[in-house]
Amino acid sequence: ADAAKVRQSKNIVVVGTVAGLAVLAVQVFDPAIGDRPGHWGLHAVVADLLPQSVFAAALTAGMWVWMPDGKPESQTYSAHLQTEAATIGASSVEPCVGGEDGDDALSG
């Protein structure tokens, strides 16, 4: 099931990339720029609406693909055994709370 989701995610990336390149081409050849004052209303569409729509569509599609299906068996939890050898870090080191004369090591 996860292999199908990964395949769908790759397809979303490919479609999003192609759509993004198409939007980039439209932005480069923006019809609202130049000596056409009647096309000024298209500039907001080309500059803002198109790129944000492509992103929102790709984000929504990705969230839809990876949405949990609601089946409890697909949301498994496995408890990992933790042994003494698996401890990472300095848990066996004793904290430094006092010096030789009983003063706190952190207080000047």
PDB file of N, CA and C in Angstrom:
ATOM      1  N   ALA A   1       0.829  -1.192   0.000  1.00  0.00           N
ATOM      2  CA  ALA A   1       0.000   0.000   0.000  1.00  0.00           C
ATOM      3  C   ALA A   1       0.872   1.253   0.000  1.00  0.00           C
ATOM      4  N   ASP A   2       1.988   1.224   0.744  1.00  0.00           N
ATOM      5  CA  ASP A   2       2.863   2.390   0.771  1.00  0.00           C
ATOM      6  C   ASP A   2       3.571   2.589  -0.559  1.00  0.00           C
ATOM      7  N   ALA A   3       3.841   1.508  -1.286  1.00  0.00           N
ATOM      8  CA  ALA A   3       4.480   1.644  -2.596  1.00  0.00           C
ATOM      9  C   ALA A   3       3.574   2.404  -3.558  1.00  0.00           C
ATOM     10  N   ALA A   4       2.273   2.156  -3.486  1.00  0.00           N
ATOM     11  CA  ALA A   4       1.328   2.875  -4.335  1.00  0.00           C
ATOM     12  C   ALA A   4       1.284   4.354  -3.950  1.00  0.00           C
ATOM     13  N   LYS A   5       1.367   4.637  -2.654  1.00  0.00           N
ATOM     14  CA  LYS A   5       1.355   6.033  -2.209  1.00  0.00           C
ATOM     15  C   LYS A   5       2.615   6.757  -2.656  1.00  0.00           C
ATOM     16  N   VAL A   6       3.742   6.061  -2.609  1.00  0.00           N
ATOM     17  CA  VAL A   6       4.991   6.676  -3.063  1.00  0.00           C
ATOM     18  C   VAL A   6       4.920   6.953  -4.557  1.00  0.00           C
ATOM     19  N   ARG A   7       4.370   6.006  -5.333  1.00  0.00           N
ATOM     20  CA  ARG A   7       4.222   6.195  -6.772  1.00  0.00           C
ATOM     21  C   ARG A   7       3.313   7.384  -7.061  1.00  0.00           C
ATOM     22  N   GLN A   8       2.202   7.484  -6.336  1.00  0.00           N
ATOM     23  CA  GLN A   8       1.293   8.611  -6.524  1.00  0.00           C
ATOM     24  C   GLN A   8       1.967   9.925  -6.135  1.00  0.00           C
ATOM     25  N   SER A   9       2.788   9.895  -5.088  1.00  0.00           N
ATOM     26  CA  SER A   9       3.499  11.100  -4.669  1.00  0.00           C
ATOM     27  C   SER A   9       4.486  11.541  -5.743  1.00  0.00           C
ATOM     28  N   LYS A  10       5.165  10.581  -6.357  1.00  0.00           N
ATOM     29  CA  LYS A  10       6.089  10.925  -7.447  1.00  0.00           C
ATOM     30  C   LYS A  10       5.330  11.535  -8.617  1.00  0.00           C
ATOM     31  N   ASN A  11       4.153  10.997  -8.920  1.00  0.00           N
ATOM     32  CA  ASN A  11       3.344  11.566  -9.998  1.00  0.00           C
ATOM     33  C   ASN A  11       2.907  12.991  -9.676  1.00  0.00           C
ATOM     34  N   ILE A  12       2.583  13.237  -8.422  1.00  0.00           N
ATOM     35  CA  ILE A  12       2.201  14.592  -8.005  1.00  0.00           C
ATOM     36  C   ILE A  12       3.372  15.543  -8.193  1.00  0.00           C
ATOM     37  N   VAL A  13       4.571  15.096  -7.848  1.00  0.00           N
ATOM     38  CA  VAL A  13       5.766  15.943  -8.007  1.00  0.00           C
ATOM     39  C   VAL A  13       6.010  16.239  -9.483  1.00  0.00           C
ATOM     40  N   VAL A  14       5.865  15.231 -10.341  1.00  0.00           N
ATOM     41  CA  VAL A  14       6.085  15.435 -11.777  1.00  0.00           C
ATOM     42  C   VAL A  14       5.058  16.413 -12.346  1.00  0.00           C
ATOM     43  N   VAL A  15       3.787  16.197 -12.030  1.00  0.00           N
ATOM     44  CA  VAL A  15       2.735  17.092 -12.533  1.00  0.00           C
ATOM     45  C   VAL A  15       2.927  18.502 -11.973  1.00  0.00           C
ATOM     46  N   GLY A  16       3.278  18.608 -10.691  1.00  0.00           N
ATOM     47  CA  GLY A  16       3.517  19.921 -10.095  1.00  0.00           C
ATOM     48  C   GLY A  16       4.693  20.640 -10.727  1.00  0.00           C
ATOM     49  N   THR A  17       5.739  19.885 -11.074  1.00  0.00           N
ATOM     50  CA  THR A  17       6.906  20.489 -11.720  1.00  0.00           C
ATOM     51  C   THR A  17       6.550  20.998 -13.116  1.00  0.00           C
ATOM     52  N   VAL A  18       5.842  20.187 -13.880  1.00  0.00           N
ATOM     53  CA  VAL A  18       5.433  20.609 -15.226  1.00  0.00           C
ATOM     54  C   VAL A  18       4.515  21.834 -15.142  1.00  0.00           C
ATOM     55  N   ALA A  19       3.562  21.805 -14.224  1.00  0.00           N
ATOM     56  CA  ALA A  19       2.664  22.946 -14.060  1.00  0.00           C
ATOM     57  C   ALA A  19       3.431  24.182 -13.603  1.00  0.00           C
ATOM     58  N   GLY A  20       4.406  24.001 -12.723  1.00  0.00           N
ATOM     59  CA  GLY A  20       5.215  25.126 -12.269  1.00  0.00           C
ATOM     60  C   GLY A  20       6.042  25.737 -13.394  1.00  0.00           C
ATOM     61  N   LEU A  21       6.581  24.879 -14.258  1.00  0.00           N
ATOM     62  CA  LEU A  21       7.338  25.391 -15.404  1.00  0.00           C
ATOM     63  C   LEU A  21       6.420  26.122 -16.383  1.00  0.00           C
ATOM     64  N   ALA A  22       5.190  25.630 -16.558  1.00  0.00           N
ATOM     65  CA  ALA A  22       4.224  26.322 -17.417  1.00  0.00           C
ATOM     66  C   ALA A  22       3.879  27.695 -16.838  1.00  0.00           C
ATOM     67  N   VAL A  23       3.697  27.757 -15.523  1.00  0.00           N
ATOM     68  CA  VAL A  23       3.413  29.046 -14.875  1.00  0.00           C
ATOM     69  C   VAL A  23       4.607  29.982 -15.028  1.00  0.00           C
ATOM     70  N   LEU A  24       5.819  29.444 -14.894  1.00  0.00           N
ATOM     71  CA  LEU A  24       7.017  30.266 -15.072  1.00  0.00           C
ATOM     72  C   LEU A  24       7.072  30.843 -16.483  1.00  0.00           C
ATOM     73  N   ALA A  25       6.728  30.034 -17.487  1.00  0.00           N
ATOM     74  CA  ALA A  25       6.720  30.521 -18.865  1.00  0.00           C
ATOM     75  C   ALA A  25       5.686  31.632 -19.036  1.00  0.00           C
ATOM     76  N   VAL A  26       4.525  31.478 -18.423  1.00  0.00           N
ATOM     77  CA  VAL A  26       3.494  32.523 -18.504  1.00  0.00           C
ATOM     78  C   VAL A  26       3.971  33.783 -17.803  1.00  0.00           C
ATOM     79  N   GLN A  27       4.680  33.626 -16.675  1.00  0.00           N
ATOM     80  CA  GLN A  27       5.174  34.800 -15.952  1.00  0.00           C
ATOM     81  C   GLN A  27       6.261  35.525 -16.746  1.00  0.00           C
ATOM     82  N   VAL A  28       7.103  34.771 -17.438  1.00  0.00           N
ATOM     83  CA  VAL A  28       8.153  35.410 -18.231  1.00  0.00           C
ATOM     84  C   VAL A  28       7.534  36.221 -19.373  1.00  0.00           C
ATOM     85  N   PHE A  29       6.518  35.659 -20.005  1.00  0.00           N
ATOM     86  CA  PHE A  29       5.848  36.333 -21.107  1.00  0.00           C
ATOM     87  C   PHE A  29       4.506  36.911 -20.650  1.00  0.00           C
ATOM     88  N   ASP A  30       4.530  37.616 -19.528  1.00  0.00           N
ATOM     89  CA  ASP A  30       3.314  38.190 -18.925  1.00  0.00           C
ATOM     90  C   ASP A  30       2.666  39.177 -19.890  1.00  0.00           C
ATOM     91  N   PRO A  31       1.417  38.892 -20.280  1.00  0.00           N
ATOM     92  CA  PRO A  31       0.774  39.804 -21.229  1.00  0.00           C
ATOM     93  C   PRO A  31       0.409  41.152 -20.619  1.00  0.00           C
ATOM     94  N   ALA A  32       0.430  41.268 -19.321  1.00  0.00           N
ATOM     95  CA  ALA A  32       0.054  42.526 -18.676  1.00  0.00           C
ATOM     96  C   ALA A  32       1.205  43.522 -18.639  1.00  0.00           C
ATOM     97  N   ILE A  33       2.398  43.073 -18.923  1.00  0.00           N
ATOM     98  CA  ILE A  33       3.553  43.969 -18.897  1.00  0.00           C
ATOM     99  C   ILE A  33       3.767  44.509 -20.308  1.00  0.00           C
ATOM    100  N   GLY A  34       4.002  45.761 -20.391  1.00  0.00           N
ATOM    101  CA  GLY A  34       4.263  46.358 -21.701  1.00  0.00           C
ATOM    102  C   GLY A  34       3.315  47.504 -21.987  1.00  0.00           C
ATOM    103  N   ASP A  35       3.023  47.658 -23.250  1.00  0.00           N
ATOM    104  CA  ASP A  35       2.221  48.795 -23.696  1.00  0.00           C
ATOM    105  C   ASP A  35       0.738  48.458 -23.803  1.00  0.00           C
ATOM    106  N   ARG A  36       0.266  47.519 -23.046  1.00  0.00           N
ATOM    107  CA  ARG A  36      -1.147  47.134 -23.086  1.00  0.00           C
ATOM    108  C   ARG A  36      -1.805  47.490 -21.746  1.00  0.00           C
ATOM    109  N   PRO A  37      -2.234  48.691 -21.568  1.00  0.00           N
ATOM    110  CA  PRO A  37      -2.830  49.057 -20.277  1.00  0.00           C
ATOM    111  C   PRO A  37      -4.159  48.361 -20.006  1.00  0.00           C
ATOM    112  N   GLY A  38      -4.802  47.828 -20.998  1.00  0.00           N
ATOM    113  CA  GLY A  38      -6.072  47.155 -20.803  1.00  0.00           C
ATOM    114  C   GLY A  38      -5.931  45.770 -20.174  1.00  0.00           C
ATOM    115  N   HIS A  39      -4.730  45.251 -20.132  1.00  0.00           N
ATOM    116  CA  HIS A  39      -4.498  43.902 -19.592  1.00  0.00           C
ATOM    117  C   HIS A  39      -3.918  43.920 -18.176  1.00  0.00           C
ATOM    118  N   TRP A  40      -3.995  45.064 -17.510  1.00  0.00           N
ATOM    119  CA  TRP A  40      -3.388  45.156 -16.178  1.00  0.00           C
ATOM    120  C   TRP A  40      -4.044  44.193 -15.185  1.00  0.00           C
ATOM    121  N   GLY A  41      -5.295  43.849 -15.369  1.00  0.00           N
ATOM    122  CA  GLY A  41      -5.993  42.940 -14.454  1.00  0.00           C
ATOM    123  C   GLY A  41      -5.456  41.524 -14.499  1.00  0.00           C
ATOM    124  N   LEU A  42      -4.823  41.153 -15.598  1.00  0.00           N
ATOM    125  CA  LEU A  42      -4.234  39.814 -15.692  1.00  0.00           C
ATOM    126  C   LEU A  42      -2.949  39.668 -14.889  1.00  0.00           C
ATOM    127  N   HIS A  43      -2.323  40.805 -14.563  1.00  0.00           N
ATOM    128  CA  HIS A  43      -1.036  40.715 -13.864  1.00  0.00           C
ATOM    129  C   HIS A  43      -1.158  40.032 -12.500  1.00  0.00           C
ATOM    130  N   ALA A  44      -2.209  40.325 -11.755  1.00  0.00           N
ATOM    131  CA  ALA A  44      -2.410  39.679 -10.455  1.00  0.00           C
ATOM    132  C   ALA A  44      -2.647  38.186 -10.624  1.00  0.00           C
ATOM    133  N   VAL A  45      -3.337  37.816 -11.684  1.00  0.00           N
ATOM    134  CA  VAL A  45      -3.584  36.397 -11.943  1.00  0.00           C
ATOM    135  C   VAL A  45      -2.272  35.685 -12.262  1.00  0.00           C
ATOM    136  N   VAL A  46      -1.476  36.288 -13.126  1.00  0.00           N
ATOM    137  CA  VAL A  46      -0.220  35.660 -13.542  1.00  0.00           C
ATOM    138  C   VAL A  46       0.808  35.684 -12.413  1.00  0.00           C
ATOM    139  N   ALA A  47       0.878  36.772 -11.671  1.00  0.00           N
ATOM    140  CA  ALA A  47       1.906  36.911 -10.639  1.00  0.00           C
ATOM    141  C   ALA A  47       1.572  36.163  -9.360  1.00  0.00           C
ATOM    142  N   ASP A  48       0.292  36.073  -9.001  1.00  0.00           N
ATOM    143  CA  ASP A  48      -0.064  35.494  -7.709  1.00  0.00           C
ATOM    144  C   ASP A  48      -0.952  34.258  -7.807  1.00  0.00           C
ATOM    145  N   LEU A  49      -2.041  34.357  -8.534  1.00  0.00           N
ATOM    146  CA  LEU A  49      -3.035  33.284  -8.535  1.00  0.00           C
ATOM    147  C   LEU A  49      -2.499  31.980  -9.124  1.00  0.00           C
ATOM    148  N   LEU A  50      -1.845  32.045 -10.264  1.00  0.00           N
ATOM    149  CA  LEU A  50      -1.367  30.815 -10.908  1.00  0.00           C
ATOM    150  C   LEU A  50      -0.330  30.058 -10.061  1.00  0.00           C
ATOM    151  N   PRO A  51       0.745  30.709  -9.588  1.00  0.00           N
ATOM    152  CA  PRO A  51       1.724  29.944  -8.795  1.00  0.00           C
ATOM    153  C   PRO A  51       1.148  29.396  -7.494  1.00  0.00           C
ATOM    154  N   GLN A  52       0.327  30.194  -6.824  1.00  0.00           N
ATOM    155  CA  GLN A  52      -0.239  29.725  -5.566  1.00  0.00           C
ATOM    156  C   GLN A  52      -1.256  28.624  -5.780  1.00  0.00           C
ATOM    157  N   SER A  53      -1.956  28.649  -6.902  1.00  0.00           N
ATOM    158  CA  SER A  53      -2.907  27.585  -7.210  1.00  0.00           C
ATOM    159  C   SER A  53      -2.192  26.266  -7.483  1.00  0.00           C
ATOM    160  N   VAL A  54      -1.069  26.322  -8.184  1.00  0.00           N
ATOM    161  CA  VAL A  54      -0.299  25.106  -8.445  1.00  0.00           C
ATOM    162  C   VAL A  54       0.204  24.522  -7.134  1.00  0.00           C
ATOM    163  N   PHE A  55       0.729  25.376  -6.256  1.00  0.00           N
ATOM    164  CA  PHE A  55       1.218  24.890  -4.964  1.00  0.00           C
ATOM    165  C   PHE A  55       0.086  24.314  -4.120  1.00  0.00           C
ATOM    166  N   ALA A  56      -1.044  25.016  -4.077  1.00  0.00           N
ATOM    167  CA  ALA A  56      -2.171  24.540  -3.270  1.00  0.00           C
ATOM    168  C   ALA A  56      -2.707  23.214  -3.803  1.00  0.00           C
ATOM    169  N   ALA A  57      -2.756  23.065  -5.120  1.00  0.00           N
ATOM    170  CA  ALA A  57      -3.225  21.806  -5.704  1.00  0.00           C
ATOM    171  C   ALA A  57      -2.271  20.661  -5.387  1.00  0.00           C
ATOM    172  N   ALA A  58      -0.959  20.906  -5.496  1.00  0.00           N
ATOM    173  CA  ALA A  58       0.017  19.857  -5.186  1.00  0.00           C
ATOM    174  C   ALA A  58      -0.022  19.495  -3.706  1.00  0.00           C
ATOM    175  N   LEU A  59      -0.144  20.492  -2.839  1.00  0.00           N
ATOM    176  CA  LEU A  59      -0.219  20.236  -1.402  1.00  0.00           C
ATOM    177  C   LEU A  59      -1.473  19.455  -1.056  1.00  0.00           C
ATOM    178  N   THR A  60      -2.603  19.837  -1.614  1.00  0.00           N
ATOM    179  CA  THR A  60      -3.855  19.137  -1.342  1.00  0.00           C
ATOM    180  C   THR A  60      -3.806  17.706  -1.859  1.00  0.00           C
ATOM    181  N   ALA A  61      -3.255  17.512  -3.045  1.00  0.00           N
ATOM    182  CA  ALA A  61      -3.145  16.163  -3.600  1.00  0.00           C
ATOM    183  C   ALA A  61      -2.238  15.290  -2.743  1.00  0.00           C
ATOM    184  N   GLY A  62      -1.119  15.832  -2.278  1.00  0.00           N
ATOM    185  CA  GLY A  62      -0.225  15.069  -1.407  1.00  0.00           C
ATOM    186  C   GLY A  62      -0.868  14.711  -0.084  1.00  0.00           C
ATOM    187  N   MET A  63      -1.618  15.637   0.475  1.00  0.00           N
ATOM    188  CA  MET A  63      -2.308  15.341   1.729  1.00  0.00           C
ATOM    189  C   MET A  63      -3.411  14.312   1.517  1.00  0.00           C
ATOM    190  N   TRP A  64      -4.069  14.355   0.369  1.00  0.00           N
ATOM    191  CA  TRP A  64      -5.118  13.388   0.064  1.00  0.00           C
ATOM    192  C   TRP A  64      -4.530  11.990  -0.095  1.00  0.00           C
ATOM    193  N   VAL A  65      -3.372  11.908  -0.760  1.00  0.00           N
ATOM    194  CA  VAL A  65      -2.745  10.598  -0.973  1.00  0.00           C
ATOM    195  C   VAL A  65      -2.334   9.975   0.360  1.00  0.00           C
ATOM    196  N   TRP A  66      -1.764  10.760   1.246  1.00  0.00           N
ATOM    197  CA  TRP A  66      -1.233  10.228   2.509  1.00  0.00           C
ATOM    198  C   TRP A  66      -2.228  10.318   3.656  1.00  0.00           C
ATOM    199  N   MET A  67      -3.502  10.601   3.365  1.00  0.00           N
ATOM    200  CA  MET A  67      -4.519  10.657   4.403  1.00  0.00           C
ATOM    201  C   MET A  67      -4.723   9.256   5.000  1.00  0.00           C
ATOM    202  N   PRO A  68      -4.767   9.127   6.320  1.00  0.00           N
ATOM    203  CA  PRO A  68      -5.020   7.814   6.920  1.00  0.00           C
ATOM    204  C   PRO A  68      -6.367   7.272   6.467  1.00  0.00           C
ATOM    205  N   ASP A  69      -6.433   5.958   6.289  1.00  0.00           N
ATOM    206  CA  ASP A  69      -7.666   5.371   5.776  1.00  0.00           C
ATOM    207  C   ASP A  69      -8.668   5.019   6.870  1.00  0.00           C
ATOM    208  N   GLY A  70      -8.303   5.179   8.114  1.00  0.00           N
ATOM    209  CA  GLY A  70      -9.240   4.935   9.206  1.00  0.00           C
ATOM    210  C   GLY A  70      -9.266   3.499   9.700  1.00  0.00           C
ATOM    211  N   LYS A  71      -8.523   2.625   9.068  1.00  0.00           N
ATOM    212  CA  LYS A  71      -8.477   1.235   9.511  1.00  0.00           C
ATOM    213  C   LYS A  71      -7.434   1.108  10.621  1.00  0.00           C
ATOM    214  N   PRO A  72      -7.810   0.535  11.764  1.00  0.00           N
ATOM    215  CA  PRO A  72      -6.855   0.448  12.870  1.00  0.00           C
ATOM    216  C   PRO A  72      -5.634  -0.418  12.543  1.00  0.00           C
ATOM    217  N   GLU A  73      -5.805  -1.419  11.704  1.00  0.00           N
ATOM    218  CA  GLU A  73      -4.663  -2.289  11.412  1.00  0.00           C
ATOM    219  C   GLU A  73      -3.617  -1.599  10.542  1.00  0.00           C
ATOM    220  N   SER A  74      -3.997  -0.523   9.856  1.00  0.00           N
ATOM    221  CA  SER A  74      -3.013   0.195   9.056  1.00  0.00           C
ATOM    222  C   SER A  74      -2.205   1.175   9.894  1.00  0.00           C
ATOM    223  N   GLN A  75      -2.649   1.441  11.094  1.00  0.00           N
ATOM    224  CA  GLN A  75      -1.941   2.357  11.986  1.00  0.00           C
ATOM    225  C   GLN A  75      -1.328   1.558  13.124  1.00  0.00           C
ATOM    226  N   THR A  76      -0.338   0.769  12.781  1.00  0.00           N
ATOM    227  CA  THR A  76       0.264  -0.126  13.765  1.00  0.00           C
ATOM    228  C   THR A  76       1.308   0.596  14.593  1.00  0.00           C
ATOM    229  N   TYR A  77       1.498   0.080  15.768  1.00  0.00           N
ATOM    230  CA  TYR A  77       2.518   0.589  16.678  1.00  0.00           C
ATOM    231  C   TYR A  77       3.344  -0.596  17.136  1.00  0.00           C
ATOM    232  N   SER A  78       4.624  -0.450  17.061  1.00  0.00           N
ATOM    233  CA  SER A  78       5.478  -1.534  17.529  1.00  0.00           C
ATOM    234  C   SER A  78       6.390  -0.993  18.624  1.00  0.00           C
ATOM    235  N   ALA A  79       6.320  -1.610  19.776  1.00  0.00           N
ATOM    236  CA  ALA A  79       7.170  -1.204  20.895  1.00  0.00           C
ATOM    237  C   ALA A  79       8.560  -1.774  20.680  1.00  0.00           C
ATOM    238  N   HIS A  80       9.533  -0.921  20.770  1.00  0.00           N
ATOM    239  CA  HIS A  80      10.913  -1.357  20.609  1.00  0.00           C
ATOM    240  C   HIS A  80      11.480  -1.726  21.977  1.00  0.00           C
ATOM    241  N   LEU A  81      12.168  -2.836  22.022  1.00  0.00           N
ATOM    242  CA  LEU A  81      12.800  -3.237  23.268  1.00  0.00           C
ATOM    243  C   LEU A  81      14.020  -2.367  23.495  1.00  0.00           C
ATOM    244  N   GLN A  82      14.137  -1.877  24.687  1.00  0.00           N
ATOM    245  CA  GLN A  82      15.280  -1.048  25.002  1.00  0.00           C
ATOM    246  C   GLN A  82      16.107  -1.760  26.058  1.00  0.00           C
ATOM    247  N   THR A  83      17.327  -2.045  25.716  1.00  0.00           N
ATOM    248  CA  THR A  83      18.234  -2.717  26.645  1.00  0.00           C
ATOM    249  C   THR A  83      19.287  -1.719  27.106  1.00  0.00           C
ATOM    250  N   GLU A  84      20.089  -2.146  28.031  1.00  0.00           N
ATOM    251  CA  GLU A  84      21.150  -1.276  28.555  1.00  0.00           C
ATOM    252  C   GLU A  84      22.149  -0.916  27.460  1.00  0.00           C
ATOM    253  N   ALA A  85      22.371  -1.847  26.540  1.00  0.00           N
ATOM    254  CA  ALA A  85      23.328  -1.580  25.468  1.00  0.00           C
ATOM    255  C   ALA A  85      22.787  -0.573  24.465  1.00  0.00           C
ATOM    256  N   ALA A  86      21.474  -0.393  24.422  1.00  0.00           N
ATOM    257  CA  ALA A  86      20.873   0.513  23.460  1.00  0.00           C
ATOM    258  C   ALA A  86      20.819   1.950  23.964  1.00  0.00           C
ATOM    259  N   THR A  87      21.311   2.216  25.183  1.00  0.00           N
ATOM    260  CA  THR A  87      21.273   3.558  25.735  1.00  0.00           C
ATOM    261  C   THR A  87      22.247   4.455  24.982  1.00  0.00           C
ATOM    262  N   ILE A  88      21.747   5.586  24.556  1.00  0.00           N
ATOM    263  CA  ILE A  88      22.578   6.538  23.827  1.00  0.00           C
ATOM    264  C   ILE A  88      22.708   7.780  24.687  1.00  0.00           C
ATOM    265  N   GLY A  89      23.910   8.285  24.801  1.00  0.00           N
ATOM    266  CA  GLY A  89      24.126   9.486  25.583  1.00  0.00           C
ATOM    267  C   GLY A  89      24.919   9.177  26.834  1.00  0.00           C
ATOM    268  N   ALA A  90      24.932  10.109  27.756  1.00  0.00           N
ATOM    269  CA  ALA A  90      25.737   9.987  28.959  1.00  0.00           C
ATOM    270  C   ALA A  90      24.851   9.773  30.169  1.00  0.00           C
ATOM    271  N   SER A  91      23.981   8.757  30.124  1.00  0.00           N
ATOM    272  CA  SER A  91      23.079   8.544  31.240  1.00  0.00           C
ATOM    273  C   SER A  91      23.791   7.948  32.449  1.00  0.00           C
ATOM    274  N   SER A  92      24.972   7.335  32.255  1.00  0.00           N
ATOM    275  CA  SER A  92      25.673   6.715  33.375  1.00  0.00           C
ATOM    276  C   SER A  92      26.613   7.687  34.080  1.00  0.00           C
ATOM    277  N   VAL A  93      26.780   8.886  33.552  1.00  0.00           N
ATOM    278  CA  VAL A  93      27.671   9.865  34.164  1.00  0.00           C
ATOM    279  C   VAL A  93      26.923  10.556  35.287  1.00  0.00           C
ATOM    280  N   GLU A  94      27.547  10.626  36.443  1.00  0.00           N
ATOM    281  CA  GLU A  94      26.895  11.289  37.572  1.00  0.00           C
ATOM    282  C   GLU A  94      26.955  12.796  37.401  1.00  0.00           C
ATOM    283  N   PRO A  95      25.909  13.500  37.778  1.00  0.00           N
ATOM    284  CA  PRO A  95      25.907  14.947  37.614  1.00  0.00           C
ATOM    285  C   PRO A  95      26.893  15.620  38.553  1.00  0.00           C
ATOM    286  N   CYS A  96      27.430  16.709  38.114  1.00  0.00           N
ATOM    287  CA  CYS A  96      28.390  17.478  38.900  1.00  0.00           C
ATOM    288  C   CYS A  96      27.613  18.516  39.701  1.00  0.00           C
ATOM    289  N   VAL A  97      27.369  18.208  40.981  1.00  0.00           N
ATOM    290  CA  VAL A  97      26.586  19.133  41.809  1.00  0.00           C
ATOM    291  C   VAL A  97      27.412  19.804  42.886  1.00  0.00           C
ATOM    292  N   GLY A  98      28.593  19.348  43.138  1.00  0.00           N
ATOM    293  CA  GLY A  98      29.386  19.973  44.183  1.00  0.00           C
ATOM    294  C   GLY A  98      30.862  19.734  43.969  1.00  0.00           C
ATOM    295  N   GLY A  99      31.653  20.664  44.437  1.00  0.00           N
ATOM    296  CA  GLY A  99      33.101  20.518  44.331  1.00  0.00           C
ATOM    297  C   GLY A  99      33.648  19.788  45.521  1.00  0.00           C
ATOM    298  N   GLU A 100      34.965  19.864  45.698  1.00  0.00           N
ATOM    299  CA  GLU A 100      35.623  19.165  46.824  1.00  0.00           C
ATOM    300  C   GLU A 100      35.218  19.764  48.163  1.00  0.00           C
ATOM    301  N   ASP A 101      34.992  21.058  48.188  1.00  0.00           N
ATOM    302  CA  ASP A 101      34.655  21.691  49.443  1.00  0.00           C
ATOM    303  C   ASP A 101      33.147  21.779  49.666  1.00  0.00           C
ATOM    304  N   GLY A 102      32.363  21.118  48.809  1.00  0.00           N
ATOM    305  CA  GLY A 102      30.917  21.080  48.989  1.00  0.00           C
ATOM    306  C   GLY A 102      30.190  22.220  48.292  1.00  0.00           C
ATOM    307  N   ASP A 103      30.933  23.120  47.669  1.00  0.00           N
ATOM    308  CA  ASP A 103      30.290  24.218  46.952  1.00  0.00           C
ATOM    309  C   ASP A 103      29.735  23.701  45.630  1.00  0.00           C
ATOM    310  N   ASP A 104      28.752  24.388  45.169  1.00  0.00           N
ATOM    311  CA  ASP A 104      28.172  24.039  43.868  1.00  0.00           C
ATOM    312  C   ASP A 104      29.180  24.389  42.791  1.00  0.00           C
ATOM    313  N   ALA A 105      29.355  23.495  41.832  1.00  0.00           N
ATOM    314  CA  ALA A 105      30.357  23.684  40.785  1.00  0.00           C
ATOM    315  C   ALA A 105      29.982  24.816  39.848  1.00  0.00           C
ATOM    316  N   LEU A 106      28.708  25.128  39.743  1.00  0.00           N
ATOM    317  CA  LEU A 106      28.298  26.157  38.823  1.00  0.00           C
ATOM    318  C   LEU A 106      28.283  27.547  39.453  1.00  0.00           C
ATOM    319  N   SER A 107      28.354  27.628  40.746  1.00  0.00           N
ATOM    320  CA  SER A 107      28.315  28.953  41.376  1.00  0.00           C
ATOM    321  C   SER A 107      29.731  29.440  41.587  1.00  0.00           C
ATOM    322  N   GLY A 108      30.162  30.316  40.709  1.00  0.00           N
ATOM    323  CA  GLY A 108      31.424  30.978  40.658  1.00  0.00           C
ATOM    324  C   GLY A 108      32.386  30.579  41.657  1.00  0.00           C
TER     325      GLY A 108
END
